[in-house]
């Protein structure tokens, strides 16, 4: 099932909501597959490799033993979840006692009493969700899981993808709002730097930006300090930094950065 759009949105902004949605999806998948003993749900971003997924943050399981089955697949790089992610098609085993395609997953599953499993992948807007159901007895679970659980997984993945897009948009709006509110202060600080150093607006902004990076302070915070003090006490530092700062590539040095002609 191919992705419709590839986006980048950090899990940090929506991890709590995503975790709750995955937990609900796993519970509903288990309830909708009568022959199963439980279920798991796992989320992966389009730009992530499955092995880099934080299992504690992006998986949910109806039982701790099943959570361990997800972890061993992600760490070992083998198992029906990885196969479903790689192919975009359902993957599983009717009887793990005789199916030796995934040795580490198989050993952990049999140790937990799991004999069969089926994993279904669902993708939408850069988010891929796998829903896996597990059985204590051998038998085909894939067909059973593709019924109500398949429809449920498709709808839930679309809902989670829309939620991620909405949260990412809120973060961008907040960042733009912060930038707009801080712009007047930055302009005032540039004016003070221009007066102290006798440089042009572009050079003043470059100097503030580099000083912000060197001191590990946000540009807006540095600008507020310059404006609040009206540059008093900072003249020496500004002049020294202005002389030591290297000019941008392909830009000739000017003002305090330029050596006087010989």
Protein backbone atom coordinates (compact mmCIF):
# COMPACT_ATOMS: atom_id res chain seq x y z
CA UNK A 1 0.00 0.00 0.00
CA UNK A 2 1.98 3.04 -1.20
CA UNK A 3 2.30 6.31 0.72
CA UNK A 4 0.29 9.18 -0.73
CA UNK A 5 2.57 11.93 0.55
CA UNK A 6 5.91 11.99 2.31
CA UNK A 7 6.09 14.53 5.10
CA UNK A 8 8.38 15.21 8.04
CA UNK A 9 6.71 15.77 11.39
CA UNK A 10 8.42 14.93 14.64
CA UNK A 11 6.85 12.28 16.82
CA UNK A 12 7.68 14.47 19.84
CA UNK A 13 4.74 16.75 19.09
CA UNK A 14 2.13 14.00 18.89
CA UNK A 15 3.56 10.99 20.76
CA UNK A 16 0.95 11.00 23.58
CA UNK A 17 -1.99 11.16 21.17
CA UNK A 18 -0.40 8.62 18.82
CA UNK A 19 0.20 6.21 21.70
CA UNK A 20 -3.44 6.40 22.80
CA UNK A 21 -4.68 5.86 19.26
CA UNK A 22 -2.42 2.84 18.78
CA UNK A 23 -3.58 1.33 22.10
CA UNK A 24 -7.23 1.72 21.09
CA UNK A 25 -6.50 0.24 17.67
CA UNK A 26 -4.79 -2.81 19.20
CA UNK A 27 -7.70 -3.41 21.60
CA UNK A 28 -10.26 -3.14 18.81
CA UNK A 29 -8.24 -5.41 16.51
CA UNK A 30 -8.05 -8.09 19.19
CA UNK A 31 -11.78 -7.82 19.87
CA UNK A 32 -12.55 -7.96 16.13
CA UNK A 33 -10.52 -11.14 15.53
CA UNK A 34 -12.20 -13.92 17.53
CA UNK A 35 -9.41 -16.49 17.04
CA UNK A 36 -6.72 -14.15 18.35
CA UNK A 37 -5.26 -13.95 21.86
CA UNK A 38 -4.28 -10.30 21.48
CA UNK A 39 -2.96 -7.66 19.12
CA UNK A 40 -0.30 -4.98 18.65
CA UNK A 41 -0.17 -1.75 16.64
CA UNK A 42 3.02 -0.06 15.46
CA UNK A 43 3.60 3.30 13.76
CA UNK A 44 6.54 4.25 11.51
CA UNK A 45 7.22 7.57 9.76
CA UNK A 46 8.03 7.50 6.06
CA UNK A 47 11.59 8.82 6.60
CA UNK A 48 12.38 6.37 9.42
CA UNK A 49 13.86 2.92 9.08
CA UNK A 50 11.93 0.34 11.10
CA UNK A 51 15.05 -0.49 13.11
CA UNK A 52 15.29 3.11 14.31
CA UNK A 53 11.76 3.13 15.73
CA UNK A 54 11.43 3.71 19.46
CA UNK A 55 9.24 0.74 20.40
CA UNK A 56 8.24 2.26 23.76
CA UNK A 57 6.84 5.35 22.05
CA UNK A 58 5.36 4.08 18.79
CA UNK A 59 3.89 0.67 19.62
CA UNK A 60 0.98 -0.56 21.68
CA UNK A 61 0.05 -4.09 22.76
CA UNK A 62 -2.84 -5.73 24.57
CA UNK A 63 -0.38 -7.84 26.62
CA UNK A 64 3.26 -7.32 27.73
CA UNK A 65 4.38 -10.57 26.08
CA UNK A 66 3.09 -9.27 22.75
CA UNK A 67 4.95 -6.00 23.22
CA UNK A 68 8.14 -8.06 23.56
CA UNK A 69 7.34 -9.73 20.24
CA UNK A 70 7.26 -6.32 18.55
CA UNK A 71 10.56 -5.30 20.19
CA UNK A 72 12.39 -8.44 19.07
CA UNK A 73 11.27 -7.89 15.47
CA UNK A 74 12.42 -4.27 15.41
CA UNK A 75 15.77 -5.06 17.03
CA UNK A 76 16.47 -8.21 15.00
CA UNK A 77 15.22 -6.74 11.73
CA UNK A 78 13.05 -9.79 11.01
CA UNK A 79 9.48 -10.89 11.47
CA UNK A 80 6.02 -10.42 9.96
CA UNK A 81 5.83 -6.73 10.93
CA UNK A 82 9.06 -5.99 9.03
CA UNK A 83 7.90 -8.12 6.10
CA UNK A 84 4.59 -6.22 5.96
CA UNK A 85 6.42 -2.88 6.07
CA UNK A 86 8.85 -3.94 3.33
CA UNK A 87 6.26 -5.33 0.93
CA UNK A 88 3.20 -3.25 1.79
CA UNK A 89 1.21 -6.50 1.98
CA UNK A 90 -0.05 -8.64 4.87
CA UNK A 91 2.46 -11.10 6.30
CA UNK A 92 2.28 -13.81 8.93
CA UNK A 93 2.63 -17.46 9.84
CA UNK A 94 -0.05 -20.13 10.19
CA UNK A 95 2.10 -22.24 12.53
CA UNK A 96 5.36 -20.94 13.94
CA UNK A 97 6.26 -24.43 15.14
CA UNK A 98 7.07 -25.30 11.51
CA UNK A 99 7.69 -21.85 9.98
CA UNK A 100 11.39 -20.96 10.35
CA UNK A 101 11.58 -17.78 8.22
CA UNK A 102 12.23 -15.52 11.24
CA UNK A 103 14.31 -17.46 13.80
CA UNK A 104 14.53 -14.86 16.59
CA UNK A 105 10.90 -13.83 16.34
CA UNK A 106 9.84 -17.46 16.14
CA UNK A 107 11.79 -18.39 19.29
CA UNK A 108 10.34 -15.51 21.30
CA UNK A 109 6.82 -16.19 20.03
CA UNK A 110 6.90 -19.91 20.85
CA UNK A 111 8.35 -19.11 24.26
CA UNK A 112 5.29 -16.90 24.88
CA UNK A 113 2.95 -19.64 23.65
CA UNK A 114 2.11 -17.88 20.36
CA UNK A 115 1.71 -20.30 17.43
CA UNK A 116 0.29 -18.04 14.69
CA UNK A 117 0.20 -14.37 13.72
CA UNK A 118 -0.77 -11.96 10.95
CA UNK A 119 0.44 -8.39 10.36
CA UNK A 120 -1.44 -5.90 8.17
CA UNK A 121 0.15 -2.62 6.95
CA UNK A 122 -1.73 0.64 6.39
CA UNK A 123 -0.16 3.82 4.99
CA UNK A 124 -1.38 7.40 4.75
CA UNK A 125 0.43 10.75 4.42
CA UNK A 126 3.86 9.55 5.49
CA UNK A 127 2.59 7.43 8.39
CA UNK A 128 2.58 3.62 8.17
CA UNK A 129 0.72 1.63 10.80
CA UNK A 130 0.88 -2.13 11.20
CA UNK A 131 -1.80 -4.06 13.05
CA UNK A 132 -0.80 -7.56 14.16
CA UNK A 133 -3.00 -10.25 15.68
CA UNK A 134 -1.67 -13.35 17.43
CA UNK A 135 -3.07 -16.81 18.15
CA UNK A 136 -2.27 -19.44 20.75
CA UNK A 137 -3.23 -22.19 18.31
CA UNK A 138 -2.07 -22.83 14.74
CA UNK A 139 -4.34 -21.68 11.97
CA UNK A 140 -4.72 -18.94 9.38
CA UNK A 141 -5.33 -15.56 11.03
CA UNK A 142 -4.64 -13.44 7.97
CA UNK A 143 -8.06 -13.91 6.37
CA UNK A 144 -9.84 -13.23 9.64
CA UNK A 145 -7.74 -10.12 10.28
CA UNK A 146 -8.39 -8.70 6.81
CA UNK A 147 -12.12 -8.37 7.52
CA UNK A 148 -13.27 -5.93 10.18
CA UNK A 149 -9.71 -5.40 11.43
CA UNK A 150 -8.57 -4.40 7.96
CA UNK A 151 -11.28 -1.76 7.65
CA UNK A 152 -10.60 -0.57 11.19
CA UNK A 153 -6.86 -0.23 10.53
CA UNK A 154 -7.43 1.75 7.35
CA UNK A 155 -9.77 4.22 9.03
CA UNK A 156 -7.61 4.55 12.14
CA UNK A 157 -4.45 5.22 10.10
CA UNK A 158 -6.17 7.98 8.13
CA UNK A 159 -7.37 9.52 11.38
CA UNK A 160 -3.89 9.40 12.96
CA UNK A 161 -2.30 10.86 9.83
CA UNK A 162 -4.77 13.77 9.82
CA UNK A 163 -4.12 14.34 13.52
CA UNK A 164 -0.36 14.49 12.89
CA UNK A 165 -0.80 16.97 10.05
CA UNK A 166 -3.01 19.14 12.24
CA UNK A 167 -0.52 19.12 15.12
CA UNK A 168 2.37 19.87 12.76
CA UNK A 169 0.41 22.82 11.35
CA UNK A 170 -0.19 24.16 14.86
CA UNK A 171 3.56 24.00 15.57
CA UNK A 172 4.32 25.91 12.36
CA UNK A 173 1.71 28.56 13.17
CA UNK A 174 3.20 29.01 16.62
CA UNK A 175 6.71 29.34 15.18
CA UNK A 176 5.54 31.92 12.62
CA UNK A 177 3.71 33.86 15.32
CA UNK A 178 6.84 33.92 17.48
CA UNK A 179 8.95 35.07 14.53
CA UNK A 180 6.52 37.87 13.67
CA UNK A 181 6.35 39.09 17.26
CA UNK A 182 10.13 39.09 17.64
CA UNK A 183 10.86 40.85 14.32
CA UNK A 184 10.42 44.45 15.61
CA UNK A 185 12.84 43.78 18.48
CA UNK A 186 15.41 42.30 16.08
CA UNK A 187 15.07 45.36 13.83
CA UNK A 188 15.66 47.67 16.81
CA UNK A 189 18.72 45.67 17.86
CA UNK A 190 20.07 45.89 14.31
CA UNK A 191 19.69 49.65 14.48
CA UNK A 192 21.72 49.80 17.68
CA UNK A 193 24.45 47.59 16.19
CA UNK A 194 24.53 49.79 13.08
CA UNK A 195 25.05 52.84 15.29
CA UNK A 196 27.79 51.17 17.39
CA UNK A 197 29.71 49.66 14.48
CA UNK A 198 28.82 52.02 11.68
CA UNK A 199 27.75 49.11 9.45
CA UNK A 200 24.80 48.53 7.12
CA UNK A 201 21.57 46.62 8.04
CA UNK A 202 22.66 43.33 6.45
CA UNK A 203 25.97 43.34 8.32
CA UNK A 204 24.22 44.19 11.59
CA UNK A 205 21.80 41.27 11.19
CA UNK A 206 24.62 38.87 10.23
CA UNK A 207 26.57 39.89 13.30
CA UNK A 208 23.60 39.34 15.62
CA UNK A 209 22.90 35.97 14.00
CA UNK A 210 26.51 34.80 14.41
CA UNK A 211 26.70 36.10 17.96
CA UNK A 212 23.47 34.22 18.70
CA UNK A 213 24.98 30.99 17.37
CA UNK A 214 28.29 31.49 19.18
CA UNK A 215 26.64 32.21 22.54
CA UNK A 216 23.96 29.53 22.04
CA UNK A 217 21.15 32.04 22.60
CA UNK A 218 18.02 32.56 20.55
CA UNK A 219 18.25 35.53 18.22
CA UNK A 220 15.13 37.10 19.73
CA UNK A 221 16.54 36.82 23.27
CA UNK A 222 19.85 38.37 22.23
CA UNK A 223 18.02 41.18 20.44
CA UNK A 224 15.91 41.88 23.55
CA UNK A 225 19.10 42.21 25.61
CA UNK A 226 20.65 44.63 23.12
CA UNK A 227 17.49 46.75 23.04
CA UNK A 228 16.95 46.70 26.81
CA UNK A 229 20.50 47.89 27.49
CA UNK A 230 20.53 50.14 24.40
CA UNK A 231 23.87 48.54 23.67
CA UNK A 232 25.46 49.96 26.81
CA UNK A 233 28.14 47.66 28.13
CA UNK A 234 28.09 45.70 24.89
CA UNK A 235 30.02 48.14 22.72
CA UNK A 236 33.38 46.48 23.29
CA UNK A 237 32.00 42.98 22.72
CA UNK A 238 30.11 44.01 19.59
CA UNK A 239 33.14 45.76 18.11
CA UNK A 240 35.46 42.84 18.96
CA UNK A 241 33.06 40.29 17.55
CA UNK A 242 32.43 42.41 14.49
CA UNK A 243 36.14 42.50 13.74
CA UNK A 244 36.69 38.78 14.36
CA UNK A 245 33.62 37.45 12.56
CA UNK A 246 34.45 36.07 9.14
CA UNK A 247 32.47 37.51 6.23
CA UNK A 248 29.93 35.33 4.44
CA UNK A 249 31.24 33.43 1.36
CA UNK A 250 31.36 35.59 -1.78
CA UNK A 251 30.64 38.70 0.28
CA UNK A 252 33.45 41.28 0.59
CA UNK A 253 34.16 42.45 4.11
CA UNK A 254 33.20 46.02 4.91
CA UNK A 255 33.01 48.39 7.83
CA UNK A 256 34.87 47.16 10.91
CA UNK A 257 35.58 43.78 9.25
CA UNK A 258 37.61 45.35 6.45
CA UNK A 259 41.28 46.20 6.86
CA UNK A 260 42.09 49.81 6.03
CA UNK A 261 43.73 50.25 2.66
CA UNK A 262 47.52 50.21 2.73
